[in-house]
Amino acid sequence: PSDPRSAVFATRVMEDCARCHADAK
């Protein structure tokens, strides 16, 4: 989680989670 390449790195969570959570359908 402390690695910037991790999907759960603090600055990436929004980007990675938004792939699905921003999909209105």
mmCIF file of all heavy atoms, coordinates in Angstrom:
data_MODEL
# 
_entry.id   MODEL 
# 
loop_
_atom_site.group_PDB 
_atom_site.id 
_atom_site.type_symbol 
_atom_site.label_atom_id 
_atom_site.label_alt_id 
_atom_site.label_comp_id 
_atom_site.label_asym_id 
_atom_site.label_entity_id 
_atom_site.label_seq_id 
_atom_site.pdbx_PDB_ins_code 
_atom_site.Cartn_x 
_atom_site.Cartn_y 
_atom_site.Cartn_z 
_atom_site.occupancy 
_atom_site.B_iso_or_equiv 
_atom_site.pdbx_formal_charge 
_atom_site.auth_seq_id 
_atom_site.auth_comp_id 
_atom_site.auth_asym_id 
_atom_site.auth_atom_id 
_atom_site.pdbx_PDB_model_num 
ATOM 1   N N   . PRO A 1 1  ? 0.802   -1.228 0.000   1.00 0.00 ? 1  PRO A N   1 
ATOM 2   C CA  . PRO A 1 1  ? 0.000   0.000  0.000   1.00 0.00 ? 1  PRO A CA  1 
ATOM 3   C C   . PRO A 1 1  ? 0.835   1.279  0.000   1.00 0.00 ? 1  PRO A C   1 
ATOM 4   O O   . PRO A 1 1  ? 0.396   2.305  -0.521  1.00 0.00 ? 1  PRO A O   1 
ATOM 5   C CB  . PRO A 1 1  ? -0.831  -0.111 1.279   1.00 0.00 ? 1  PRO A CB  1 
ATOM 6   C CG  . PRO A 1 1  ? -0.951  -1.575 1.505   1.00 0.00 ? 1  PRO A CG  1 
ATOM 7   C CD  . PRO A 1 1  ? 0.381   -2.158 1.043   1.00 0.00 ? 1  PRO A CD  1 
ATOM 8   N N   . SER A 1 2  ? 2.041   1.224  0.521   1.00 0.00 ? 2  SER A N   1 
ATOM 9   C CA  . SER A 1 2  ? 2.909   2.412  0.562   1.00 0.00 ? 2  SER A CA  1 
ATOM 10  C C   . SER A 1 2  ? 3.612   2.690  -0.766  1.00 0.00 ? 2  SER A C   1 
ATOM 11  O O   . SER A 1 2  ? 4.213   3.748  -0.941  1.00 0.00 ? 2  SER A O   1 
ATOM 12  C CB  . SER A 1 2  ? 3.957   2.240  1.663   1.00 0.00 ? 2  SER A CB  1 
ATOM 13  O OG  . SER A 1 2  ? 4.742   1.082  1.414   1.00 0.00 ? 2  SER A OG  1 
ATOM 14  N N   . ASP A 1 3  ? 3.509   1.772  -1.715  1.00 0.00 ? 3  ASP A N   1 
ATOM 15  C CA  . ASP A 1 3  ? 4.156   1.921  -3.024  1.00 0.00 ? 3  ASP A CA  1 
ATOM 16  C C   . ASP A 1 3  ? 3.235   2.732  -3.945  1.00 0.00 ? 3  ASP A C   1 
ATOM 17  O O   . ASP A 1 3  ? 2.069   2.378  -4.123  1.00 0.00 ? 3  ASP A O   1 
ATOM 18  C CB  . ASP A 1 3  ? 4.408   0.540  -3.630  1.00 0.00 ? 3  ASP A CB  1 
ATOM 19  C CG  . ASP A 1 3  ? 5.252   0.585  -4.883  1.00 0.00 ? 3  ASP A CG  1 
ATOM 20  O OD1 . ASP A 1 3  ? 4.994   1.444  -5.760  1.00 0.00 ? 3  ASP A OD1 1 
ATOM 21  O OD2 . ASP A 1 3  ? 6.155   -0.259 -5.006  1.00 0.00 ? 3  ASP A OD2 1 
ATOM 22  N N   . PRO A 1 4  ? 3.715   3.808  -4.556  1.00 0.00 ? 4  PRO A N   1 
ATOM 23  C CA  . PRO A 1 4  ? 2.879   4.632  -5.441  1.00 0.00 ? 4  PRO A CA  1 
ATOM 24  C C   . PRO A 1 4  ? 2.246   3.868  -6.606  1.00 0.00 ? 4  PRO A C   1 
ATOM 25  O O   . PRO A 1 4  ? 1.265   4.315  -7.179  1.00 0.00 ? 4  PRO A O   1 
ATOM 26  C CB  . PRO A 1 4  ? 3.842   5.703  -5.963  1.00 0.00 ? 4  PRO A CB  1 
ATOM 27  C CG  . PRO A 1 4  ? 4.919   5.772  -4.953  1.00 0.00 ? 4  PRO A CG  1 
ATOM 28  C CD  . PRO A 1 4  ? 5.048   4.369  -4.408  1.00 0.00 ? 4  PRO A CD  1 
ATOM 29  N N   . ARG A 1 5  ? 2.788   2.697  -6.952  1.00 0.00 ? 5  ARG A N   1 
ATOM 30  C CA  . ARG A 1 5  ? 2.192   1.896  -8.027  1.00 0.00 ? 5  ARG A CA  1 
ATOM 31  C C   . ARG A 1 5  ? 0.995   1.076  -7.553  1.00 0.00 ? 5  ARG A C   1 
ATOM 32  O O   . ARG A 1 5  ? 0.252   0.532  -8.361  1.00 0.00 ? 5  ARG A O   1 
ATOM 33  C CB  . ARG A 1 5  ? 3.242   0.960  -8.615  1.00 0.00 ? 5  ARG A CB  1 
ATOM 34  C CG  . ARG A 1 5  ? 4.398   1.698  -9.282  1.00 0.00 ? 5  ARG A CG  1 
ATOM 35  C CD  . ARG A 1 5  ? 5.498   0.759  -9.664  1.00 0.00 ? 5  ARG A CD  1 
ATOM 36  N NE  . ARG A 1 5  ? 6.111   0.217  -8.439  1.00 0.00 ? 5  ARG A NE  1 
ATOM 37  C CZ  . ARG A 1 5  ? 7.046   -0.707 -8.403  1.00 0.00 ? 5  ARG A CZ  1 
ATOM 38  N NH1 . ARG A 1 5  ? 7.506   -1.212 -9.528  1.00 0.00 ? 5  ARG A NH1 1 
ATOM 39  N NH2 . ARG A 1 5  ? 7.548   -1.135 -7.263  1.00 0.00 ? 5  ARG A NH2 1 
ATOM 40  N N   . SER A 1 6  ? 0.792   0.991  -6.253  1.00 0.00 ? 6  SER A N   1 
ATOM 41  C CA  . SER A 1 6  ? -0.298  0.198  -5.685  1.00 0.00 ? 6  SER A CA  1 
ATOM 42  C C   . SER A 1 6  ? -1.652  0.827  -5.979  1.00 0.00 ? 6  SER A C   1 
ATOM 43  O O   . SER A 1 6  ? -1.825  2.052  -5.913  1.00 0.00 ? 6  SER A O   1 
ATOM 44  C CB  . SER A 1 6  ? -0.110  0.099  -4.162  1.00 0.00 ? 6  SER A CB  1 
ATOM 45  O OG  . SER A 1 6  ? -1.260  -0.451 -3.572  1.00 0.00 ? 6  SER A OG  1 
ATOM 46  N N   . ALA A 1 7  ? -2.645  -0.005 -6.271  1.00 0.00 ? 7  ALA A N   1 
ATOM 47  C CA  . ALA A 1 7  ? -4.006  0.481  -6.507  1.00 0.00 ? 7  ALA A CA  1 
ATOM 48  C C   . ALA A 1 7  ? -4.600  1.118  -5.257  1.00 0.00 ? 7  ALA A C   1 
ATOM 49  O O   . ALA A 1 7  ? -5.537  1.906  -5.353  1.00 0.00 ? 7  ALA A O   1 
ATOM 50  C CB  . ALA A 1 7  ? -4.905  -0.661 -6.979  1.00 0.00 ? 7  ALA A CB  1 
ATOM 51  N N   . VAL A 1 8  ? -4.074  0.790  -4.097  1.00 0.00 ? 8  VAL A N   1 
ATOM 52  C CA  . VAL A 1 8  ? -4.595  1.355  -2.854  1.00 0.00 ? 8  VAL A CA  1 
ATOM 53  C C   . VAL A 1 8  ? -3.684  2.438  -2.272  1.00 0.00 ? 8  VAL A C   1 
ATOM 54  O O   . VAL A 1 8  ? -3.876  2.862  -1.132  1.00 0.00 ? 8  VAL A O   1 
ATOM 55  C CB  . VAL A 1 8  ? -4.886  0.259  -1.794  1.00 0.00 ? 8  VAL A CB  1 
ATOM 56  C CG1 . VAL A 1 8  ? -5.974  -0.675 -2.285  1.00 0.00 ? 8  VAL A CG1 1 
ATOM 57  C CG2 . VAL A 1 8  ? -3.635  -0.516 -1.438  1.00 0.00 ? 8  VAL A CG2 1 
ATOM 58  N N   . PHE A 1 9  ? -2.720  2.898  -3.041  1.00 0.00 ? 9  PHE A N   1 
ATOM 59  C CA  . PHE A 1 9  ? -1.894  4.022  -2.600  1.00 0.00 ? 9  PHE A CA  1 
ATOM 60  C C   . PHE A 1 9  ? -2.801  5.239  -2.473  1.00 0.00 ? 9  PHE A C   1 
ATOM 61  O O   . PHE A 1 9  ? -3.702  5.447  -3.291  1.00 0.00 ? 9  PHE A O   1 
ATOM 62  C CB  . PHE A 1 9  ? -0.779  4.286  -3.624  1.00 0.00 ? 9  PHE A CB  1 
ATOM 63  C CG  . PHE A 1 9  ? 0.213   5.332  -3.186  1.00 0.00 ? 9  PHE A CG  1 
ATOM 64  C CD1 . PHE A 1 9  ? 1.095   5.074  -2.157  1.00 0.00 ? 9  PHE A CD1 1 
ATOM 65  C CD2 . PHE A 1 9  ? 0.251   6.566  -3.808  1.00 0.00 ? 9  PHE A CD2 1 
ATOM 66  C CE1 . PHE A 1 9  ? 2.023   6.029  -1.753  1.00 0.00 ? 9  PHE A CE1 1 
ATOM 67  C CE2 . PHE A 1 9  ? 1.165   7.520  -3.419  1.00 0.00 ? 9  PHE A CE2 1 
ATOM 68  C CZ  . PHE A 1 9  ? 2.051   7.262  -2.393  1.00 0.00 ? 9  PHE A CZ  1 
ATOM 69  N N   . ALA A 1 10 ? -2.603  6.018  -1.442  1.00 0.00 ? 10 ALA A N   1 
ATOM 70  C CA  . ALA A 1 10 ? -3.530  7.110  -1.095  1.00 0.00 ? 10 ALA A CA  1 
ATOM 71  C C   . ALA A 1 10 ? -3.932  8.000  -2.271  1.00 0.00 ? 10 ALA A C   1 
ATOM 72  O O   . ALA A 1 10 ? -5.104  8.358  -2.405  1.00 0.00 ? 10 ALA A O   1 
ATOM 73  C CB  . ALA A 1 10 ? -2.926  7.953  0.019   1.00 0.00 ? 10 ALA A CB  1 
ATOM 74  N N   . THR A 1 11 ? -3.015  8.347  -3.125  1.00 0.00 ? 11 THR A N   1 
ATOM 75  C CA  . THR A 1 11 ? -3.361  9.249  -4.231  1.00 0.00 ? 11 THR A CA  1 
ATOM 76  C C   . THR A 1 11 ? -3.947  8.526  -5.442  1.00 0.00 ? 11 THR A C   1 
ATOM 77  O O   . THR A 1 11 ? -4.369  9.184  -6.394  1.00 0.00 ? 11 THR A O   1 
ATOM 78  C CB  . THR A 1 11 ? -2.132  10.059 -4.682  1.00 0.00 ? 11 THR A CB  1 
ATOM 79  O OG1 . THR A 1 11 ? -1.107  9.153  -5.103  1.00 0.00 ? 11 THR A OG1 1 
ATOM 80  C CG2 . THR A 1 11 ? -1.624  10.947 -3.561  1.00 0.00 ? 11 THR A CG2 1 
ATOM 81  N N   . ARG A 1 12 ? -4.003  7.210  -5.407  1.00 0.00 ? 12 ARG A N   1 
ATOM 82  C CA  . ARG A 1 12 ? -4.537  6.452  -6.545  1.00 0.00 ? 12 ARG A CA  1 
ATOM 83  C C   . ARG A 1 12 ? -5.912  5.866  -6.289  1.00 0.00 ? 12 ARG A C   1 
ATOM 84  O O   . ARG A 1 12 ? -6.587  5.438  -7.219  1.00 0.00 ? 12 ARG A O   1 
ATOM 85  C CB  . ARG A 1 12 ? -3.585  5.312  -6.903  1.00 0.00 ? 12 ARG A CB  1 
ATOM 86  C CG  . ARG A 1 12 ? -2.285  5.841  -7.463  1.00 0.00 ? 12 ARG A CG  1 
ATOM 87  C CD  . ARG A 1 12 ? -1.570  4.850  -8.265  1.00 0.00 ? 12 ARG A CD  1 
ATOM 88  N NE  . ARG A 1 12 ? -2.446  4.216  -9.229  1.00 0.00 ? 12 ARG A NE  1 
ATOM 89  C CZ  . ARG A 1 12 ? -2.121  3.143  -9.921  1.00 0.00 ? 12 ARG A CZ  1 
ATOM 90  N NH1 . ARG A 1 12 ? -0.958  2.598  -9.748  1.00 0.00 ? 12 ARG A NH1 1 
ATOM 91  N NH2 . ARG A 1 12 ? -2.947  2.610  -10.773 1.00 0.00 ? 12 ARG A NH2 1 
ATOM 92  N N   . VAL A 1 13 ? -6.334  5.809  -5.045  1.00 0.00 ? 13 VAL A N   1 
ATOM 93  C CA  . VAL A 1 13 ? -7.600  5.162  -4.715  1.00 0.00 ? 13 VAL A CA  1 
ATOM 94  C C   . VAL A 1 13 ? -8.751  5.753  -5.535  1.00 0.00 ? 13 VAL A C   1 
ATOM 95  O O   . VAL A 1 13 ? -9.530  5.021  -6.141  1.00 0.00 ? 13 VAL A O   1 
ATOM 96  C CB  . VAL A 1 13 ? -7.895  5.240  -3.199  1.00 0.00 ? 13 VAL A CB  1 
ATOM 97  C CG1 . VAL A 1 13 ? -9.307  4.798  -2.894  1.00 0.00 ? 13 VAL A CG1 1 
ATOM 98  C CG2 . VAL A 1 13 ? -6.905  4.377  -2.435  1.00 0.00 ? 13 VAL A CG2 1 
ATOM 99  N N   . MET A 1 14 ? -8.860  7.056  -5.572  1.00 0.00 ? 14 MET A N   1 
ATOM 100 C CA  . MET A 1 14 ? -9.965  7.686  -6.313  1.00 0.00 ? 14 MET A CA  1 
ATOM 101 C C   . MET A 1 14 ? -9.929  7.307  -7.787  1.00 0.00 ? 14 MET A C   1 
ATOM 102 O O   . MET A 1 14 ? -10.944 6.971  -8.367  1.00 0.00 ? 14 MET A O   1 
ATOM 103 C CB  . MET A 1 14 ? -9.930  9.208  -6.150  1.00 0.00 ? 14 MET A CB  1 
ATOM 104 C CG  . MET A 1 14 ? -10.256 9.660  -4.742  1.00 0.00 ? 14 MET A CG  1 
ATOM 105 S SD  . MET A 1 14 ? -11.910 9.189  -4.212  1.00 0.00 ? 14 MET A SD  1 
ATOM 106 C CE  . MET A 1 14 ? -12.900 10.203 -5.271  1.00 0.00 ? 14 MET A CE  1 
ATOM 107 N N   . GLU A 1 15 ? -8.761  7.350  -8.381  1.00 0.00 ? 15 GLU A N   1 
ATOM 108 C CA  . GLU A 1 15 ? -8.617  7.016  -9.798  1.00 0.00 ? 15 GLU A CA  1 
ATOM 109 C C   . GLU A 1 15 ? -8.994  5.561  -10.061 1.00 0.00 ? 15 GLU A C   1 
ATOM 110 O O   . GLU A 1 15 ? -9.774  5.256  -10.961 1.00 0.00 ? 15 GLU A O   1 
ATOM 111 C CB  . GLU A 1 15 ? -7.169  7.271  -10.222 1.00 0.00 ? 15 GLU A CB  1 
ATOM 112 C CG  . GLU A 1 15 ? -6.827  6.796  -11.605 1.00 0.00 ? 15 GLU A CG  1 
ATOM 113 C CD  . GLU A 1 15 ? -5.327  6.883  -11.861 1.00 0.00 ? 15 GLU A CD  1 
ATOM 114 O OE1 . GLU A 1 15 ? -4.644  7.718  -11.248 1.00 0.00 ? 15 GLU A OE1 1 
ATOM 115 O OE2 . GLU A 1 15 ? -4.846  6.094  -12.689 1.00 0.00 ? 15 GLU A OE2 1 
ATOM 116 N N   . ASP A 1 16 ? -8.447  4.656  -9.268  1.00 0.00 ? 16 ASP A N   1 
ATOM 117 C CA  . ASP A 1 16 ? -8.689  3.235  -9.489  1.00 0.00 ? 16 ASP A CA  1 
ATOM 118 C C   . ASP A 1 16 ? -10.128 2.842  -9.170  1.00 0.00 ? 16 ASP A C   1 
ATOM 119 O O   . ASP A 1 16 ? -10.753 2.103  -9.921  1.00 0.00 ? 16 ASP A O   1 
ATOM 120 C CB  . ASP A 1 16 ? -7.703  2.390  -8.678  1.00 0.00 ? 16 ASP A CB  1 
ATOM 121 C CG  . ASP A 1 16 ? -6.282  2.504  -9.216  1.00 0.00 ? 16 ASP A CG  1 
ATOM 122 O OD1 . ASP A 1 16 ? -6.129  2.794  -10.413 1.00 0.00 ? 16 ASP A OD1 1 
ATOM 123 O OD2 . ASP A 1 16 ? -5.344  2.305  -8.448  1.00 0.00 ? 16 ASP A OD2 1 
ATOM 124 N N   . CYS A 1 17 ? -10.665 3.340  -8.069  1.00 0.00 ? 17 CYS A N   1 
ATOM 125 C CA  . CYS A 1 17 ? -12.035 2.989  -7.685  1.00 0.00 ? 17 CYS A CA  1 
ATOM 126 C C   . CYS A 1 17 ? -13.054 3.625  -8.625  1.00 0.00 ? 17 CYS A C   1 
ATOM 127 O O   . CYS A 1 17 ? -14.122 3.063  -8.870  1.00 0.00 ? 17 CYS A O   1 
ATOM 128 C CB  . CYS A 1 17 ? -12.326 3.413  -6.249  1.00 0.00 ? 17 CYS A CB  1 
ATOM 129 S SG  . CYS A 1 17 ? -11.296 2.557  -5.036  1.00 0.00 ? 17 CYS A SG  1 
ATOM 130 N N   . ALA A 1 18 ? -12.726 4.799  -9.152  1.00 0.00 ? 18 ALA A N   1 
ATOM 131 C CA  . ALA A 1 18 ? -13.644 5.509  -10.036 1.00 0.00 ? 18 ALA A CA  1 
ATOM 132 C C   . ALA A 1 18 ? -13.918 4.764  -11.336 1.00 0.00 ? 18 ALA A C   1 
ATOM 133 O O   . ALA A 1 18 ? -14.957 4.980  -11.958 1.00 0.00 ? 18 ALA A O   1 
ATOM 134 C CB  . ALA A 1 18 ? -13.116 6.908  -10.341 1.00 0.00 ? 18 ALA A CB  1 
ATOM 135 N N   . ARG A 1 19 ? -13.020 3.864  -11.729 1.00 0.00 ? 19 ARG A N   1 
ATOM 136 C CA  . ARG A 1 19 ? -13.275 3.089  -12.947 1.00 0.00 ? 19 ARG A CA  1 
ATOM 137 C C   . ARG A 1 19 ? -14.647 2.430  -12.882 1.00 0.00 ? 19 ARG A C   1 
ATOM 138 O O   . ARG A 1 19 ? -15.361 2.367  -13.875 1.00 0.00 ? 19 ARG A O   1 
ATOM 139 C CB  . ARG A 1 19 ? -12.204 2.024  -13.153 1.00 0.00 ? 19 ARG A CB  1 
ATOM 140 C CG  . ARG A 1 19 ? -10.886 2.556  -13.632 1.00 0.00 ? 19 ARG A CG  1 
ATOM 141 C CD  . ARG A 1 19 ? -9.956  1.419  -13.868 1.00 0.00 ? 19 ARG A CD  1 
ATOM 142 N NE  . ARG A 1 19 ? -9.962  0.561  -12.674 1.00 0.00 ? 19 ARG A NE  1 
ATOM 143 C CZ  . ARG A 1 19 ? -8.968  -0.194 -12.274 1.00 0.00 ? 19 ARG A CZ  1 
ATOM 144 N NH1 . ARG A 1 19 ? -7.887  -0.257 -12.980 1.00 0.00 ? 19 ARG A NH1 1 
ATOM 145 N NH2 . ARG A 1 19 ? -9.054  -0.910 -11.182 1.00 0.00 ? 19 ARG A NH2 1 
ATOM 146 N N   . CYS A 1 20 ? -15.026 1.942  -11.720 1.00 0.00 ? 20 CYS A N   1 
ATOM 147 C CA  . CYS A 1 20 ? -16.342 1.311  -11.561 1.00 0.00 ? 20 CYS A CA  1 
ATOM 148 C C   . CYS A 1 20 ? -17.341 2.245  -10.891 1.00 0.00 ? 20 CYS A C   1 
ATOM 149 O O   . CYS A 1 20 ? -18.495 2.322  -11.304 1.00 0.00 ? 20 CYS A O   1 
ATOM 150 C CB  . CYS A 1 20 ? -16.226 0.035  -10.726 1.00 0.00 ? 20 CYS A CB  1 
ATOM 151 S SG  . CYS A 1 20 ? -15.199 -1.231 -11.493 1.00 0.00 ? 20 CYS A SG  1 
ATOM 152 N N   . HIS A 1 21 ? -16.902 2.951  -9.856  1.00 0.00 ? 21 HIS A N   1 
ATOM 153 C CA  . HIS A 1 21 ? -17.816 3.778  -9.073  1.00 0.00 ? 21 HIS A CA  1 
ATOM 154 C C   . HIS A 1 21 ? -18.299 5.003  -9.829  1.00 0.00 ? 21 HIS A C   1 
ATOM 155 O O   . HIS A 1 21 ? -19.284 5.618  -9.417  1.00 0.00 ? 21 HIS A O   1 
ATOM 156 C CB  . HIS A 1 21 ? -17.184 4.161  -7.735  1.00 0.00 ? 21 HIS A CB  1 
ATOM 157 C CG  . HIS A 1 21 ? -17.180 3.017  -6.770  1.00 0.00 ? 21 HIS A CG  1 
ATOM 158 N ND1 . HIS A 1 21 ? -18.189 2.813  -5.863  1.00 0.00 ? 21 HIS A ND1 1 
ATOM 159 C CD2 . HIS A 1 21 ? -16.299 2.002  -6.599  1.00 0.00 ? 21 HIS A CD2 1 
ATOM 160 C CE1 . HIS A 1 21 ? -17.922 1.722  -5.158  1.00 0.00 ? 21 HIS A CE1 1 
ATOM 161 N NE2 . HIS A 1 21 ? -16.789 1.201  -5.584  1.00 0.00 ? 21 HIS A NE2 1 
ATOM 162 N N   . ALA A 1 22 ? -17.678 5.365  -10.934 1.00 0.00 ? 22 ALA A N   1 
ATOM 163 C CA  . ALA A 1 22 ? -18.132 6.479  -11.762 1.00 0.00 ? 22 ALA A CA  1 
ATOM 164 C C   . ALA A 1 22 ? -18.919 5.980  -12.978 1.00 0.00 ? 22 ALA A C   1 
ATOM 165 O O   . ALA A 1 22 ? -19.367 6.777  -13.793 1.00 0.00 ? 22 ALA A O   1 
ATOM 166 C CB  . ALA A 1 22 ? -16.959 7.328  -12.215 1.00 0.00 ? 22 ALA A CB  1 
ATOM 167 N N   . ASP A 1 23 ? -19.112 4.689  -13.078 1.00 0.00 ? 23 ASP A N   1 
ATOM 168 C CA  . ASP A 1 23 ? -19.838 4.079  -14.189 1.00 0.00 ? 23 ASP A CA  1 
ATOM 169 C C   . ASP A 1 23 ? -21.329 4.044  -13.828 1.00 0.00 ? 23 ASP A C   1 
ATOM 170 O O   . ASP A 1 23 ? -21.785 3.170  -13.094 1.00 0.00 ? 23 ASP A O   1 
ATOM 171 C CB  . ASP A 1 23 ? -19.308 2.670  -14.431 1.00 0.00 ? 23 ASP A CB  1 
ATOM 172 C CG  . ASP A 1 23 ? -19.961 1.964  -15.602 1.00 0.00 ? 23 ASP A CG  1 
ATOM 173 O OD1 . ASP A 1 23 ? -21.108 2.297  -15.971 1.00 0.00 ? 23 ASP A OD1 1 
ATOM 174 O OD2 . ASP A 1 23 ? -19.318 1.049  -16.149 1.00 0.00 ? 23 ASP A OD2 1 
ATOM 175 N N   . ALA A 1 24 ? -22.092 5.004  -14.330 1.00 0.00 ? 24 ALA A N   1 
ATOM 176 C CA  . ALA A 1 24 ? -23.504 5.147  -13.965 1.00 0.00 ? 24 ALA A CA  1 
ATOM 177 C C   . ALA A 1 24 ? -24.317 3.888  -14.276 1.00 0.00 ? 24 ALA A C   1 
ATOM 178 O O   . ALA A 1 24 ? -25.176 3.484  -13.478 1.00 0.00 ? 24 ALA A O   1 
ATOM 179 C CB  . ALA A 1 24 ? -24.105 6.357  -14.676 1.00 0.00 ? 24 ALA A CB  1 
ATOM 180 N N   . LYS A 1 25 ? -24.049 3.247  -15.400 1.00 0.00 ? 25 LYS A N   1 
ATOM 181 C CA  . LYS A 1 25 ? -24.780 2.032  -15.771 1.00 0.00 ? 25 LYS A CA  1 
ATOM 182 C C   . LYS A 1 25 ? -24.525 0.911  -14.758 1.00 0.00 ? 25 LYS A C   1 
ATOM 183 O O   . LYS A 1 25 ? -25.446 0.221  -14.318 1.00 0.00 ? 25 LYS A O   1 
ATOM 184 C CB  . LYS A 1 25 ? -24.373 1.590  -17.175 1.00 0.00 ? 25 LYS A CB  1 
ATOM 185 C CG  . LYS A 1 25 ? -25.119 0.391  -17.683 1.00 0.00 ? 25 LYS A CG  1 
ATOM 186 C CD  . LYS A 1 25 ? -24.689 0.046  -19.099 1.00 0.00 ? 25 LYS A CD  1 
ATOM 187 C CE  . LYS A 1 25 ? -25.375 -1.209 -19.582 1.00 0.00 ? 25 LYS A CE  1 
ATOM 188 N NZ  . LYS A 1 25 ? -24.923 -1.580 -20.924 1.00 0.00 ? 25 LYS A NZ  1 
# 
